[in-house]
N, C-alpha and C. Protein backbone atom coordinates (compact mmCIF):
# COMPACT_ATOMS: atom_id res chain seq x y z
N UNK A 1 70.36 -43.00 -57.22
CA UNK A 1 70.92 -42.88 -58.55
C UNK A 1 71.05 -41.40 -58.91
N UNK A 2 72.16 -41.05 -59.50
CA UNK A 2 72.40 -39.66 -59.87
C UNK A 2 71.47 -39.22 -61.01
N UNK A 3 71.15 -37.94 -61.01
CA UNK A 3 70.29 -37.37 -62.05
C UNK A 3 70.89 -37.61 -63.43
N UNK A 4 72.18 -37.38 -63.58
CA UNK A 4 72.83 -37.55 -64.89
C UNK A 4 72.70 -38.98 -65.40
N UNK A 5 72.68 -39.95 -64.52
CA UNK A 5 72.51 -41.35 -64.91
C UNK A 5 71.09 -41.61 -65.38
N UNK A 6 70.12 -41.01 -64.69
CA UNK A 6 68.71 -41.21 -65.03
C UNK A 6 68.36 -40.68 -66.41
N UNK A 7 69.01 -39.60 -66.84
CA UNK A 7 68.67 -38.98 -68.12
C UNK A 7 69.64 -39.37 -69.24
N UNK A 8 70.58 -40.24 -68.94
CA UNK A 8 71.67 -40.54 -69.87
C UNK A 8 71.22 -41.09 -71.22
N UNK A 9 70.28 -42.01 -71.21
CA UNK A 9 69.88 -42.64 -72.48
C UNK A 9 68.37 -42.52 -72.67
N UNK A 10 67.99 -42.41 -73.91
CA UNK A 10 66.58 -42.38 -74.27
C UNK A 10 65.91 -41.05 -74.01
N UNK A 11 64.59 -41.09 -74.04
CA UNK A 11 63.77 -39.89 -73.85
C UNK A 11 63.37 -39.81 -72.38
N UNK A 12 63.42 -38.59 -71.84
CA UNK A 12 63.15 -38.42 -70.42
C UNK A 12 62.55 -37.04 -70.18
N UNK A 13 61.56 -36.98 -69.31
CA UNK A 13 61.01 -35.70 -68.86
C UNK A 13 61.42 -35.53 -67.41
N UNK A 14 62.14 -34.46 -67.13
CA UNK A 14 62.48 -34.12 -65.76
C UNK A 14 61.45 -33.12 -65.27
N UNK A 15 60.82 -33.45 -64.16
CA UNK A 15 59.78 -32.61 -63.56
C UNK A 15 60.39 -31.99 -62.31
N UNK A 16 60.69 -30.69 -62.39
CA UNK A 16 61.28 -29.95 -61.28
C UNK A 16 60.15 -29.37 -60.44
N UNK A 17 60.11 -29.70 -59.15
CA UNK A 17 59.01 -29.33 -58.29
C UNK A 17 59.54 -28.92 -56.92
N UNK A 18 58.64 -28.40 -56.09
CA UNK A 18 58.99 -28.03 -54.72
C UNK A 18 57.80 -28.34 -53.81
N UNK A 19 58.09 -28.61 -52.55
CA UNK A 19 57.05 -28.95 -51.58
C UNK A 19 56.07 -27.79 -51.38
N UNK A 20 56.55 -26.57 -51.46
CA UNK A 20 55.71 -25.39 -51.24
C UNK A 20 54.85 -25.05 -52.45
N UNK A 21 55.07 -25.71 -53.56
CA UNK A 21 54.35 -25.42 -54.81
C UNK A 21 53.08 -26.27 -54.88
N UNK A 22 51.94 -25.65 -54.66
CA UNK A 22 50.67 -26.37 -54.69
C UNK A 22 50.42 -27.12 -55.99
N UNK A 23 50.53 -26.46 -57.15
CA UNK A 23 50.28 -27.16 -58.43
C UNK A 23 51.24 -28.32 -58.69
N UNK A 24 52.41 -28.29 -58.07
CA UNK A 24 53.39 -29.37 -58.29
C UNK A 24 52.91 -30.71 -57.75
N UNK A 25 51.95 -30.69 -56.83
CA UNK A 25 51.49 -31.93 -56.21
C UNK A 25 50.46 -32.67 -57.05
N UNK A 26 49.97 -32.05 -58.10
CA UNK A 26 49.01 -32.72 -59.00
C UNK A 26 49.81 -33.51 -60.04
N UNK A 27 49.93 -34.79 -59.81
CA UNK A 27 50.72 -35.66 -60.69
C UNK A 27 49.85 -36.38 -61.72
N UNK A 28 48.56 -36.06 -61.77
CA UNK A 28 47.65 -36.78 -62.68
C UNK A 28 48.05 -36.58 -64.14
N UNK A 29 48.52 -35.41 -64.48
CA UNK A 29 48.93 -35.14 -65.86
C UNK A 29 50.13 -36.01 -66.23
N UNK A 30 51.08 -36.11 -65.32
CA UNK A 30 52.26 -36.94 -65.60
C UNK A 30 51.89 -38.42 -65.67
N UNK A 31 50.91 -38.84 -64.88
CA UNK A 31 50.46 -40.24 -64.99
C UNK A 31 49.86 -40.51 -66.37
N UNK A 32 49.08 -39.56 -66.89
CA UNK A 32 48.49 -39.72 -68.22
C UNK A 32 49.59 -39.75 -69.29
N UNK A 33 50.58 -38.89 -69.13
CA UNK A 33 51.70 -38.86 -70.08
C UNK A 33 52.42 -40.21 -70.06
N UNK A 34 52.66 -40.75 -68.88
CA UNK A 34 53.35 -42.03 -68.76
C UNK A 34 52.54 -43.16 -69.39
N UNK A 35 51.21 -43.10 -69.25
CA UNK A 35 50.36 -44.12 -69.87
C UNK A 35 50.43 -44.05 -71.39
N UNK A 36 50.47 -42.84 -71.94
CA UNK A 36 50.49 -42.67 -73.40
C UNK A 36 51.86 -42.94 -73.99
N UNK A 37 52.90 -42.50 -73.32
CA UNK A 37 54.28 -42.62 -73.82
C UNK A 37 55.07 -43.53 -72.90
N UNK A 38 54.91 -44.81 -73.05
CA UNK A 38 55.52 -45.78 -72.15
C UNK A 38 57.05 -45.80 -72.25
N UNK A 39 57.59 -45.34 -73.37
CA UNK A 39 59.04 -45.36 -73.55
C UNK A 39 59.74 -44.10 -73.03
N UNK A 40 58.97 -43.16 -72.50
CA UNK A 40 59.56 -41.93 -71.95
C UNK A 40 59.65 -42.05 -70.44
N UNK A 41 60.86 -41.88 -69.91
CA UNK A 41 61.06 -41.90 -68.46
C UNK A 41 60.61 -40.56 -67.87
N UNK A 42 60.12 -40.59 -66.66
CA UNK A 42 59.80 -39.37 -65.93
C UNK A 42 60.63 -39.37 -64.66
N UNK A 43 61.39 -38.29 -64.47
CA UNK A 43 62.26 -38.15 -63.31
C UNK A 43 61.78 -36.94 -62.51
N UNK A 44 61.60 -37.13 -61.22
CA UNK A 44 61.16 -36.06 -60.33
C UNK A 44 62.36 -35.45 -59.63
N UNK A 45 62.45 -34.13 -59.68
CA UNK A 45 63.57 -33.42 -59.05
C UNK A 45 63.00 -32.39 -58.08
N UNK A 46 63.20 -32.63 -56.80
CA UNK A 46 62.80 -31.66 -55.78
C UNK A 46 63.87 -30.57 -55.75
N UNK A 47 63.50 -29.36 -56.14
CA UNK A 47 64.48 -28.29 -56.30
C UNK A 47 65.06 -27.82 -54.96
N UNK A 48 64.40 -28.14 -53.86
CA UNK A 48 64.93 -27.78 -52.54
C UNK A 48 65.95 -28.80 -52.05
N UNK A 49 65.77 -30.05 -52.44
CA UNK A 49 66.68 -31.11 -52.01
C UNK A 49 67.82 -31.34 -52.99
N UNK A 50 67.57 -31.09 -54.27
CA UNK A 50 68.60 -31.30 -55.29
C UNK A 50 68.97 -29.94 -55.89
N UNK A 51 69.47 -29.09 -55.04
CA UNK A 51 69.78 -27.71 -55.42
C UNK A 51 70.81 -27.66 -56.54
N UNK A 52 71.80 -28.54 -56.49
CA UNK A 52 72.83 -28.53 -57.53
C UNK A 52 72.25 -28.81 -58.92
N UNK A 53 71.29 -29.72 -59.00
CA UNK A 53 70.66 -30.03 -60.29
C UNK A 53 69.80 -28.86 -60.74
N UNK A 54 69.03 -28.29 -59.82
CA UNK A 54 68.20 -27.13 -60.15
C UNK A 54 69.05 -25.96 -60.63
N UNK A 55 70.18 -25.75 -59.98
CA UNK A 55 71.07 -24.66 -60.40
C UNK A 55 71.71 -24.93 -61.75
N UNK A 56 72.06 -26.18 -62.00
CA UNK A 56 72.69 -26.54 -63.28
C UNK A 56 71.79 -26.18 -64.46
N UNK A 57 70.46 -26.32 -64.26
CA UNK A 57 69.51 -26.04 -65.34
C UNK A 57 68.77 -24.72 -65.13
N UNK A 58 69.29 -23.89 -64.22
CA UNK A 58 68.75 -22.53 -63.97
C UNK A 58 67.25 -22.54 -63.69
N UNK A 59 66.81 -23.45 -62.85
CA UNK A 59 65.39 -23.56 -62.52
C UNK A 59 65.01 -22.43 -61.57
N UNK A 60 64.05 -21.61 -61.99
CA UNK A 60 63.56 -20.52 -61.15
C UNK A 60 62.05 -20.56 -60.99
N UNK A 61 61.39 -21.45 -61.72
CA UNK A 61 59.93 -21.58 -61.67
C UNK A 61 59.58 -23.02 -61.36
N UNK A 62 58.65 -23.19 -60.43
CA UNK A 62 58.15 -24.54 -60.16
C UNK A 62 56.66 -24.55 -60.46
N UNK A 63 56.21 -25.54 -61.19
CA UNK A 63 57.00 -26.61 -61.79
C UNK A 63 57.65 -26.18 -63.11
N UNK A 64 58.71 -26.88 -63.44
CA UNK A 64 59.37 -26.77 -64.74
C UNK A 64 59.55 -28.17 -65.28
N UNK A 65 59.30 -28.32 -66.56
CA UNK A 65 59.51 -29.59 -67.25
C UNK A 65 60.67 -29.40 -68.22
N UNK A 66 61.63 -30.30 -68.19
CA UNK A 66 62.69 -30.29 -69.21
C UNK A 66 62.64 -31.64 -69.90
N UNK A 67 62.55 -31.62 -71.21
CA UNK A 67 62.57 -32.84 -72.01
C UNK A 67 64.00 -33.09 -72.45
N UNK A 68 64.50 -34.28 -72.14
CA UNK A 68 65.85 -34.68 -72.49
C UNK A 68 65.81 -35.80 -73.50
N UNK A 69 66.84 -35.84 -74.33
CA UNK A 69 67.06 -37.00 -75.20
C UNK A 69 68.54 -37.33 -75.14
N UNK A 70 68.85 -38.51 -74.65
CA UNK A 70 70.24 -38.96 -74.49
C UNK A 70 71.07 -37.92 -73.75
N UNK A 71 70.55 -37.45 -72.66
CA UNK A 71 71.17 -36.51 -71.70
C UNK A 71 71.18 -35.06 -72.15
N UNK A 72 70.68 -34.75 -73.33
CA UNK A 72 70.66 -33.37 -73.81
C UNK A 72 69.27 -32.76 -73.66
N UNK A 73 69.17 -31.57 -73.07
CA UNK A 73 67.86 -30.90 -72.99
C UNK A 73 67.42 -30.47 -74.39
N UNK A 74 66.20 -30.86 -74.78
CA UNK A 74 65.72 -30.56 -76.12
C UNK A 74 64.48 -29.67 -76.12
N UNK A 75 63.86 -29.49 -74.96
CA UNK A 75 62.71 -28.58 -74.87
C UNK A 75 62.39 -28.32 -73.40
N UNK A 76 61.69 -27.21 -73.17
CA UNK A 76 61.33 -26.79 -71.82
C UNK A 76 59.86 -26.39 -71.80
N UNK A 77 59.24 -26.51 -70.61
CA UNK A 77 57.91 -25.96 -70.37
C UNK A 77 57.91 -25.45 -68.93
N UNK A 78 57.38 -24.26 -68.74
CA UNK A 78 57.40 -23.62 -67.43
C UNK A 78 56.00 -23.45 -66.89
N UNK A 79 55.82 -23.73 -65.59
CA UNK A 79 54.51 -23.63 -64.98
C UNK A 79 53.71 -24.89 -65.22
N UNK A 80 52.60 -25.02 -64.49
CA UNK A 80 51.76 -26.20 -64.64
C UNK A 80 51.17 -26.25 -66.04
N UNK A 81 51.30 -27.40 -66.69
CA UNK A 81 50.81 -27.59 -68.06
C UNK A 81 49.60 -28.51 -68.05
N UNK A 82 48.68 -28.26 -68.95
CA UNK A 82 47.57 -29.20 -69.13
C UNK A 82 48.10 -30.43 -69.85
N UNK A 83 47.35 -31.52 -69.79
CA UNK A 83 47.74 -32.72 -70.52
C UNK A 83 47.88 -32.42 -72.00
N UNK A 84 46.92 -31.70 -72.56
CA UNK A 84 46.91 -31.40 -73.99
C UNK A 84 48.15 -30.61 -74.40
N UNK A 85 48.51 -29.62 -73.62
CA UNK A 85 49.68 -28.79 -73.95
C UNK A 85 50.96 -29.61 -73.84
N UNK A 86 51.11 -30.35 -72.76
CA UNK A 86 52.31 -31.16 -72.59
C UNK A 86 52.40 -32.24 -73.66
N UNK A 87 51.27 -32.82 -74.02
CA UNK A 87 51.21 -33.81 -75.09
C UNK A 87 51.70 -33.21 -76.41
N UNK A 88 51.28 -32.00 -76.73
CA UNK A 88 51.73 -31.33 -77.96
C UNK A 88 53.22 -31.06 -77.92
N UNK A 89 53.72 -30.62 -76.78
CA UNK A 89 55.15 -30.35 -76.65
C UNK A 89 55.95 -31.63 -76.86
N UNK A 90 55.50 -32.71 -76.26
CA UNK A 90 56.19 -34.00 -76.41
C UNK A 90 56.15 -34.47 -77.86
N UNK A 91 54.99 -34.39 -78.48
CA UNK A 91 54.86 -34.84 -79.87
C UNK A 91 55.76 -34.05 -80.81
N UNK A 92 55.80 -32.73 -80.64
CA UNK A 92 56.65 -31.89 -81.49
C UNK A 92 58.13 -32.12 -81.22
N UNK A 93 58.47 -32.45 -80.00
CA UNK A 93 59.87 -32.61 -79.63
C UNK A 93 60.43 -33.96 -80.04
N UNK A 94 59.69 -35.02 -79.78
CA UNK A 94 60.22 -36.36 -79.95
C UNK A 94 59.75 -37.10 -81.20
N UNK A 95 58.61 -36.69 -81.79
CA UNK A 95 58.04 -37.52 -82.87
C UNK A 95 57.76 -36.75 -84.14
């Protein structure tokens, strides 16, 4: 499924990561986010394999989180985030 289709409707967090990025492999924070916000989709984008998507959003740091609403980017977070920080960003952005 194309990235644009995955983010087309509703709330979505795109997690841009790379295989060489050690912190990117810790998905526990995203699992907690998914448990708390069941209506928010999480999409994983490997910046080495999906170069066109990474370039479209000017991704230069891994990990990067982009929060989308109905296909529009509404907020960004760069670098590994704690659950508390990401939770605050989500709450301020969507609720």
